[in-house]
């Protein structure tokens, strides 16, 4: 996590995403521009939420930890969103894990400085209510994904969201390389079933197995198989 001391860039993002309209008064004095890199966490489940984060750009995966210690993927975050609104009102620890997939910019508002202003800001409260109602609306859809979508579609979405460009032997390719045991857990399946499904995608010409990674061969078909899973 890196704090970006670039006031012009912060001002441009505030203007671009019309962030000032979220608040009744100028909250610029509290805002900090933060860069998260791949693998870092914006929050971990159960930990105290000490800031509100406005997710500006980048990509992250949102997952929860079950009572048996396993993890379950809920969604991917890649659009403008507010993180920490639920925890602000309930004064509880983070309800999910949010881990960065690709470089992500957030605007951070520390609660030790701004909590009272936020809780007494009519515009922000209205915005937070709309945000929470939207999260509630889609939560049932997210929770049904693992029950209703075949693993092939869920895996295709995971590959589509986590693939990255790599230069191999002077050629740019789309590469997928992650811990398969962890992916099986996140997608709620067994390692064996995950491996079978990867082979199915290989046989369809979507991906190709290399020594230590998979290469995406047909990006359009991969996106088609992904549908709107985890969106």
C-alpha atoms as a PDB file:
ATOM      1  CA  UNK A   1       0.000   0.000   0.000  1.00  0.00           C
ATOM      2  CA  UNK A   2       1.424   3.338  -1.069  1.00  0.00           C
ATOM      3  CA  UNK A   3       0.103   6.782  -0.224  1.00  0.00           C
ATOM      4  CA  UNK A   4       0.331   8.887  -3.385  1.00  0.00           C
ATOM      5  CA  UNK A   5       1.330  12.475  -2.636  1.00  0.00           C
ATOM      6  CA  UNK A   6      -0.060  13.857  -5.884  1.00  0.00           C
ATOM      7  CA  UNK A   7      -2.715  16.450  -5.156  1.00  0.00           C
ATOM      8  CA  UNK A   8      -3.385  17.185  -8.834  1.00  0.00           C
ATOM      9  CA  UNK A   9      -4.089  13.513  -9.556  1.00  0.00           C
ATOM     10  CA  UNK A  10      -6.376  13.316  -6.530  1.00  0.00           C
ATOM     11  CA  UNK A  11      -8.250  16.432  -7.639  1.00  0.00           C
ATOM     12  CA  UNK A  12      -8.687  14.988 -11.138  1.00  0.00           C
ATOM     13  CA  UNK A  13     -10.170  11.767  -9.730  1.00  0.00           C
ATOM     14  CA  UNK A  14     -12.502  13.715  -7.437  1.00  0.00           C
ATOM     15  CA  UNK A  15     -13.718  15.692 -10.435  1.00  0.00           C
ATOM     16  CA  UNK A  16     -13.924  12.691 -12.786  1.00  0.00           C
ATOM     17  CA  UNK A  17     -16.068  10.594 -10.448  1.00  0.00           C
ATOM     18  CA  UNK A  18     -18.005  13.594  -9.063  1.00  0.00           C
ATOM     19  CA  UNK A  19     -17.023  12.570  -5.567  1.00  0.00           C
ATOM     20  CA  UNK A  20     -17.817  15.964  -4.053  1.00  0.00           C
ATOM     21  CA  UNK A  21     -21.495  15.336  -4.833  1.00  0.00           C
ATOM     22  CA  UNK A  22     -21.467  12.453  -2.368  1.00  0.00           C
ATOM     23  CA  UNK A  23     -20.939  14.880   0.508  1.00  0.00           C
ATOM     24  CA  UNK A  24     -22.764  17.946   1.792  1.00  0.00           C
ATOM     25  CA  UNK A  25     -19.513  19.781   2.461  1.00  0.00           C
ATOM     26  CA  UNK A  26     -15.973  19.654   1.194  1.00  0.00           C
ATOM     27  CA  UNK A  27     -14.275  16.493   2.483  1.00  0.00           C
ATOM     28  CA  UNK A  28     -11.145  17.007   0.420  1.00  0.00           C
ATOM     29  CA  UNK A  29      -9.051  17.748   3.521  1.00  0.00           C
ATOM     30  CA  UNK A  30      -9.620  14.178   4.746  1.00  0.00           C
ATOM     31  CA  UNK A  31      -8.991  12.377   1.460  1.00  0.00           C
ATOM     32  CA  UNK A  32      -5.850  10.392   0.695  1.00  0.00           C
ATOM     33  CA  UNK A  33      -4.986   8.734  -2.612  1.00  0.00           C
ATOM     34  CA  UNK A  34      -3.839   5.156  -2.033  1.00  0.00           C
ATOM     35  CA  UNK A  35      -2.310   2.644  -4.448  1.00  0.00           C
ATOM     36  CA  UNK A  36      -2.705  -1.069  -3.709  1.00  0.00           C
ATOM     37  CA  UNK A  37      -0.668  -3.614  -5.679  1.00  0.00           C
ATOM     38  CA  UNK A  38      -1.408  -7.223  -6.606  1.00  0.00           C
ATOM     39  CA  UNK A  39      -1.804  -9.539  -3.626  1.00  0.00           C
ATOM     40  CA  UNK A  40      -2.402  -6.798  -1.061  1.00  0.00           C
ATOM     41  CA  UNK A  41      -5.620  -6.561   0.938  1.00  0.00           C
ATOM     42  CA  UNK A  42      -7.820  -3.505   1.307  1.00  0.00           C
ATOM     43  CA  UNK A  43      -9.440  -5.278   4.233  1.00  0.00           C
ATOM     44  CA  UNK A  44      -9.423  -8.667   5.929  1.00  0.00           C
ATOM     45  CA  UNK A  45     -12.501 -10.281   7.395  1.00  0.00           C
ATOM     46  CA  UNK A  46     -12.946  -9.522  11.087  1.00  0.00           C
ATOM     47  CA  UNK A  47     -10.347  -6.761  11.224  1.00  0.00           C
ATOM     48  CA  UNK A  48     -11.337  -3.282  12.341  1.00  0.00           C
ATOM     49  CA  UNK A  49     -12.307  -0.942   9.515  1.00  0.00           C
ATOM     50  CA  UNK A  50     -10.405   2.258  10.269  1.00  0.00           C
ATOM     51  CA  UNK A  51     -11.207   4.036   6.991  1.00  0.00           C
ATOM     52  CA  UNK A  52     -13.824   4.384   4.302  1.00  0.00           C
ATOM     53  CA  UNK A  53     -12.428   3.502   0.875  1.00  0.00           C
ATOM     54  CA  UNK A  54     -13.765   4.781  -2.429  1.00  0.00           C
ATOM     55  CA  UNK A  55     -12.691   2.141  -4.971  1.00  0.00           C
ATOM     56  CA  UNK A  56     -11.692   4.170  -8.037  1.00  0.00           C
ATOM     57  CA  UNK A  57      -9.927   1.905 -10.536  1.00  0.00           C
ATOM     58  CA  UNK A  58      -8.269  -1.490 -10.717  1.00  0.00           C
ATOM     59  CA  UNK A  59      -9.542  -4.930  -9.821  1.00  0.00           C
ATOM     60  CA  UNK A  60     -10.019  -6.944  -6.636  1.00  0.00           C
ATOM     61  CA  UNK A  61     -11.672 -10.176  -5.593  1.00  0.00           C
ATOM     62  CA  UNK A  62     -14.123 -10.252  -2.716  1.00  0.00           C
ATOM     63  CA  UNK A  63     -14.394 -13.457  -0.720  1.00  0.00           C
ATOM     64  CA  UNK A  64     -15.554 -14.657   2.666  1.00  0.00           C
ATOM     65  CA  UNK A  65     -14.175 -17.182   5.131  1.00  0.00           C
ATOM     66  CA  UNK A  66     -16.544 -19.970   6.157  1.00  0.00           C
ATOM     67  CA  UNK A  67     -16.828 -21.504   9.618  1.00  0.00           C
ATOM     68  CA  UNK A  68     -14.780 -24.504   8.464  1.00  0.00           C
ATOM     69  CA  UNK A  69     -11.886 -22.199   7.600  1.00  0.00           C
ATOM     70  CA  UNK A  70     -12.349 -22.420   3.836  1.00  0.00           C
ATOM     71  CA  UNK A  71     -12.825 -19.411   1.574  1.00  0.00           C
ATOM     72  CA  UNK A  72     -15.624 -18.737  -0.909  1.00  0.00           C
ATOM     73  CA  UNK A  73     -15.499 -16.242  -3.776  1.00  0.00           C
ATOM     74  CA  UNK A  74     -18.342 -13.710  -3.737  1.00  0.00           C
ATOM     75  CA  UNK A  75     -17.569 -11.273  -6.526  1.00  0.00           C
ATOM     76  CA  UNK A  76     -15.009  -9.158  -8.336  1.00  0.00           C
ATOM     77  CA  UNK A  77     -14.717  -5.430  -7.719  1.00  0.00           C
ATOM     78  CA  UNK A  78     -13.674  -3.298 -10.680  1.00  0.00           C
ATOM     79  CA  UNK A  79     -16.151  -0.404 -10.781  1.00  0.00           C
ATOM     80  CA  UNK A  80     -16.531   2.656  -8.577  1.00  0.00           C
ATOM     81  CA  UNK A  81     -17.697   1.465  -5.164  1.00  0.00           C
ATOM     82  CA  UNK A  82     -17.606   2.384  -1.492  1.00  0.00           C
ATOM     83  CA  UNK A  83     -15.976  -0.056   0.926  1.00  0.00           C
ATOM     84  CA  UNK A  84     -16.611   0.156   4.653  1.00  0.00           C
ATOM     85  CA  UNK A  85     -20.111   1.651   4.651  1.00  0.00           C
ATOM     86  CA  UNK A  86     -21.664  -1.328   6.446  1.00  0.00           C
ATOM     87  CA  UNK A  87     -18.884  -1.402   9.004  1.00  0.00           C
ATOM     88  CA  UNK A  88     -19.207   2.355   9.576  1.00  0.00           C
ATOM     89  CA  UNK A  89     -22.780   2.027  10.794  1.00  0.00           C
ATOM     90  CA  UNK A  90     -22.411  -1.230  12.697  1.00  0.00           C
ATOM     91  CA  UNK A  91     -18.980  -0.609  14.220  1.00  0.00           C
ATOM     92  CA  UNK A  92     -18.036  -4.202  13.414  1.00  0.00           C
ATOM     93  CA  UNK A  93     -15.010  -5.771  11.805  1.00  0.00           C
ATOM     94  CA  UNK A  94     -14.770  -6.133   8.032  1.00  0.00           C
ATOM     95  CA  UNK A  95     -17.454  -8.523   6.763  1.00  0.00           C
ATOM     96  CA  UNK A  96     -15.395  -9.786   3.793  1.00  0.00           C
ATOM     97  CA  UNK A  97     -11.864 -10.009   2.436  1.00  0.00           C
ATOM     98  CA  UNK A  98     -10.970  -7.714  -0.453  1.00  0.00           C
ATOM     99  CA  UNK A  99      -7.717  -8.731  -2.167  1.00  0.00           C
ATOM    100  CA  UNK A 100      -6.129  -6.861  -5.056  1.00  0.00           C
ATOM    101  CA  UNK A 101      -5.770  -8.576  -8.438  1.00  0.00           C
ATOM    102  CA  UNK A 102      -4.240  -5.672 -10.370  1.00  0.00           C
ATOM    103  CA  UNK A 103      -2.974  -2.227  -9.355  1.00  0.00           C
ATOM    104  CA  UNK A 104      -5.855  -0.387  -7.710  1.00  0.00           C
ATOM    105  CA  UNK A 105      -6.382   3.238  -6.749  1.00  0.00           C
ATOM    106  CA  UNK A 106      -8.613   4.100  -3.823  1.00  0.00           C
ATOM    107  CA  UNK A 107      -9.473   7.313  -2.032  1.00  0.00           C
ATOM    108  CA  UNK A 108      -9.169   6.742   1.699  1.00  0.00           C
ATOM    109  CA  UNK A 109     -11.056   8.721   4.316  1.00  0.00           C
ATOM    110  CA  UNK A 110      -9.737   7.938   7.831  1.00  0.00           C
ATOM    111  CA  UNK A 111     -12.570   7.457  10.305  1.00  0.00           C
ATOM    112  CA  UNK A 112     -10.613   8.827  13.256  1.00  0.00           C
ATOM    113  CA  UNK A 113     -10.747  12.196  11.502  1.00  0.00           C
ATOM    114  CA  UNK A 114     -14.016  12.124   9.574  1.00  0.00           C
ATOM    115  CA  UNK A 115     -16.454   9.669  11.236  1.00  0.00           C
ATOM    116  CA  UNK A 116     -18.530  12.332  12.970  1.00  0.00           C
ATOM    117  CA  UNK A 117     -18.775  14.404   9.782  1.00  0.00           C
ATOM    118  CA  UNK A 118     -19.811  11.339   7.771  1.00  0.00           C
ATOM    119  CA  UNK A 119     -22.507  10.276  10.230  1.00  0.00           C
ATOM    120  CA  UNK A 120     -24.008  13.771  10.192  1.00  0.00           C
ATOM    121  CA  UNK A 121     -23.814  14.321   6.445  1.00  0.00           C
ATOM    122  CA  UNK A 122     -27.235  13.983   4.803  1.00  0.00           C
ATOM    123  CA  UNK A 123     -25.831  13.605   1.304  1.00  0.00           C
ATOM    124  CA  UNK A 124     -23.392  10.892   2.364  1.00  0.00           C
ATOM    125  CA  UNK A 125     -26.054   9.048   4.351  1.00  0.00           C
ATOM    126  CA  UNK A 126     -28.323   9.037   1.290  1.00  0.00           C
ATOM    127  CA  UNK A 127     -25.448   7.779  -0.867  1.00  0.00           C
ATOM    128  CA  UNK A 128     -24.592   5.095   1.713  1.00  0.00           C
ATOM    129  CA  UNK A 129     -28.227   3.944   1.860  1.00  0.00           C
ATOM    130  CA  UNK A 130     -28.313   3.605  -1.924  1.00  0.00           C
ATOM    131  CA  UNK A 131     -25.004   1.709  -1.849  1.00  0.00           C
ATOM    132  CA  UNK A 132     -26.178  -0.661   0.880  1.00  0.00           C
ATOM    133  CA  UNK A 133     -29.537  -1.279  -0.788  1.00  0.00           C
ATOM    134  CA  UNK A 134     -27.752  -2.163  -4.035  1.00  0.00           C
ATOM    135  CA  UNK A 135     -25.459  -4.561  -2.160  1.00  0.00           C
ATOM    136  CA  UNK A 136     -28.483  -6.170  -0.521  1.00  0.00           C
ATOM    137  CA  UNK A 137     -30.230  -6.453  -3.888  1.00  0.00           C
ATOM    138  CA  UNK A 138     -27.362  -8.337  -5.505  1.00  0.00           C
ATOM    139  CA  UNK A 139     -26.317 -10.388  -2.468  1.00  0.00           C
ATOM    140  CA  UNK A 140     -28.925 -13.065  -3.155  1.00  0.00           C
ATOM    141  CA  UNK A 141     -27.707 -13.350  -6.734  1.00  0.00           C
ATOM    142  CA  UNK A 142     -24.108 -13.645  -5.611  1.00  0.00           C
ATOM    143  CA  UNK A 143     -24.934 -16.301  -3.035  1.00  0.00           C
ATOM    144  CA  UNK A 144     -26.764 -18.383  -5.643  1.00  0.00           C
ATOM    145  CA  UNK A 145     -23.885 -18.340  -8.139  1.00  0.00           C
ATOM    146  CA  UNK A 146     -22.133 -21.342  -6.594  1.00  0.00           C
ATOM    147  CA  UNK A 147     -25.401 -23.301  -6.621  1.00  0.00           C
ATOM    148  CA  UNK A 148     -26.749 -22.478 -10.062  1.00  0.00           C
ATOM    149  CA  UNK A 149     -23.768 -21.883 -12.344  1.00  0.00           C
ATOM    150  CA  UNK A 150     -21.649 -24.833 -13.537  1.00  0.00           C
ATOM    151  CA  UNK A 151     -18.007 -24.793 -12.513  1.00  0.00           C
ATOM    152  CA  UNK A 152     -17.010 -24.254 -16.150  1.00  0.00           C
ATOM    153  CA  UNK A 153     -18.690 -20.830 -16.176  1.00  0.00           C
ATOM    154  CA  UNK A 154     -17.391 -19.836 -12.758  1.00  0.00           C
ATOM    155  CA  UNK A 155     -13.860 -20.919 -13.622  1.00  0.00           C
ATOM    156  CA  UNK A 156     -14.039 -19.100 -16.956  1.00  0.00           C
ATOM    157  CA  UNK A 157     -14.986 -15.899 -15.133  1.00  0.00           C
ATOM    158  CA  UNK A 158     -12.146 -16.368 -12.647  1.00  0.00           C
ATOM    159  CA  UNK A 159      -9.628 -16.860 -15.467  1.00  0.00           C
ATOM    160  CA  UNK A 160     -11.069 -13.909 -17.385  1.00  0.00           C
ATOM    161  CA  UNK A 161     -10.725 -11.597 -14.372  1.00  0.00           C
ATOM    162  CA  UNK A 162      -7.263 -12.720 -13.225  1.00  0.00           C
ATOM    163  CA  UNK A 163      -5.475 -13.230 -16.548  1.00  0.00           C
ATOM    164  CA  UNK A 164      -2.564 -10.913 -17.234  1.00  0.00           C
ATOM    165  CA  UNK A 165      -0.405  -9.953 -20.169  1.00  0.00           C
ATOM    166  CA  UNK A 166       3.060 -11.456 -20.168  1.00  0.00           C
ATOM    167  CA  UNK A 167       5.947 -11.344 -22.614  1.00  0.00           C
ATOM    168  CA  UNK A 168       7.094 -14.902 -23.328  1.00  0.00           C
ATOM    169  CA  UNK A 169       9.942 -15.379 -25.812  1.00  0.00           C
ATOM    170  CA  UNK A 170       9.362 -11.904 -27.202  1.00  0.00           C
ATOM    171  CA  UNK A 171       5.626 -12.410 -27.689  1.00  0.00           C
ATOM    172  CA  UNK A 172       2.819 -10.870 -25.638  1.00  0.00           C
ATOM    173  CA  UNK A 173       0.321 -13.468 -24.452  1.00  0.00           C
ATOM    174  CA  UNK A 174      -2.569 -13.648 -21.988  1.00  0.00           C
ATOM    175  CA  UNK A 175      -1.399 -15.750 -19.084  1.00  0.00           C
ATOM    176  CA  UNK A 176      -3.276 -17.404 -16.225  1.00  0.00           C
ATOM    177  CA  UNK A 177      -1.162 -18.655 -13.339  1.00  0.00           C
ATOM    178  CA  UNK A 178      -2.466 -19.054  -9.796  1.00  0.00           C
ATOM    179  CA  UNK A 179      -2.514 -21.619  -7.019  1.00  0.00           C
ATOM    180  CA  UNK A 180      -5.050 -24.220  -8.165  1.00  0.00           C
ATOM    181  CA  UNK A 181      -5.666 -25.510  -4.655  1.00  0.00           C
ATOM    182  CA  UNK A 182      -6.677 -22.017  -3.529  1.00  0.00           C
ATOM    183  CA  UNK A 183      -8.853 -21.512  -6.620  1.00  0.00           C
ATOM    184  CA  UNK A 184     -10.678 -24.803  -5.988  1.00  0.00           C
ATOM    185  CA  UNK A 185     -11.451 -23.620  -2.462  1.00  0.00           C
ATOM    186  CA  UNK A 186     -12.611 -20.183  -3.603  1.00  0.00           C
ATOM    187  CA  UNK A 187     -14.915 -21.721  -6.216  1.00  0.00           C
ATOM    188  CA  UNK A 188     -16.308 -24.289  -3.805  1.00  0.00           C
ATOM    189  CA  UNK A 189     -15.092 -27.384  -5.599  1.00  0.00           C
ATOM    190  CA  UNK A 190     -12.496 -30.142  -5.327  1.00  0.00           C
ATOM    191  CA  UNK A 191      -9.040 -29.938  -6.834  1.00  0.00           C
ATOM    192  CA  UNK A 192      -9.844 -32.964  -9.009  1.00  0.00           C
ATOM    193  CA  UNK A 193     -13.029 -31.409 -10.388  1.00  0.00           C
ATOM    194  CA  UNK A 194     -11.207 -28.139 -11.025  1.00  0.00           C
ATOM    195  CA  UNK A 195      -8.489 -29.978 -12.948  1.00  0.00           C
ATOM    196  CA  UNK A 196     -11.109 -31.803 -15.053  1.00  0.00           C
ATOM    197  CA  UNK A 197     -12.787 -28.497 -15.861  1.00  0.00           C
ATOM    198  CA  UNK A 198      -9.482 -26.931 -16.869  1.00  0.00           C
ATOM    199  CA  UNK A 199      -8.998 -29.845 -19.263  1.00  0.00           C
ATOM    200  CA  UNK A 200     -12.483 -29.203 -20.695  1.00  0.00           C
ATOM    201  CA  UNK A 201     -11.535 -25.578 -21.382  1.00  0.00           C
ATOM    202  CA  UNK A 202      -8.316 -26.798 -22.993  1.00  0.00           C
ATOM    203  CA  UNK A 203     -10.224 -29.231 -25.230  1.00  0.00           C
ATOM    204  CA  UNK A 204     -12.551 -26.396 -26.302  1.00  0.00           C
ATOM    205  CA  UNK A 205      -9.544 -24.324 -27.352  1.00  0.00           C
ATOM    206  CA  UNK A 206     -10.174 -21.639 -24.742  1.00  0.00           C
ATOM    207  CA  UNK A 207      -6.865 -22.098 -22.911  1.00  0.00           C
ATOM    208  CA  UNK A 208      -3.687 -24.100 -23.459  1.00  0.00           C
ATOM    209  CA  UNK A 209      -1.594 -25.790 -20.775  1.00  0.00           C
ATOM    210  CA  UNK A 210       2.029 -24.738 -20.612  1.00  0.00           C
ATOM    211  CA  UNK A 211       4.726 -25.883 -18.190  1.00  0.00           C
ATOM    212  CA  UNK A 212       3.793 -23.694 -15.234  1.00  0.00           C
ATOM    213  CA  UNK A 213       0.802 -21.699 -16.481  1.00  0.00           C
ATOM    214  CA  UNK A 214      -2.168 -21.629 -18.834  1.00  0.00           C
ATOM    215  CA  UNK A 215      -2.256 -19.443 -21.930  1.00  0.00           C
ATOM    216  CA  UNK A 216      -5.568 -17.903 -22.977  1.00  0.00           C
ATOM    217  CA  UNK A 217      -6.059 -18.858 -26.633  1.00  0.00           C
ATOM    218  CA  UNK A 218      -9.610 -17.646 -27.312  1.00  0.00           C
ATOM    219  CA  UNK A 219     -10.418 -14.580 -25.246  1.00  0.00           C
ATOM    220  CA  UNK A 220     -13.830 -14.057 -26.841  1.00  0.00           C
ATOM    221  CA  UNK A 221     -14.982 -17.586 -26.061  1.00  0.00           C
ATOM    222  CA  UNK A 222     -13.617 -17.248 -22.532  1.00  0.00           C
ATOM    223  CA  UNK A 223     -15.646 -14.068 -22.010  1.00  0.00           C
ATOM    224  CA  UNK A 224     -18.723 -15.710 -23.509  1.00  0.00           C
ATOM    225  CA  UNK A 225     -18.453 -18.638 -21.108  1.00  0.00           C
ATOM    226  CA  UNK A 226     -17.960 -16.199 -18.230  1.00  0.00           C
ATOM    227  CA  UNK A 227     -21.389 -14.645 -18.798  1.00  0.00           C
ATOM    228  CA  UNK A 228     -22.296 -12.358 -15.868  1.00  0.00           C
ATOM    229  CA  UNK A 229     -20.949 -14.689 -13.178  1.00  0.00           C
ATOM    230  CA  UNK A 230     -19.604 -12.839 -10.112  1.00  0.00           C
ATOM    231  CA  UNK A 231     -20.464  -9.453 -11.625  1.00  0.00           C
END
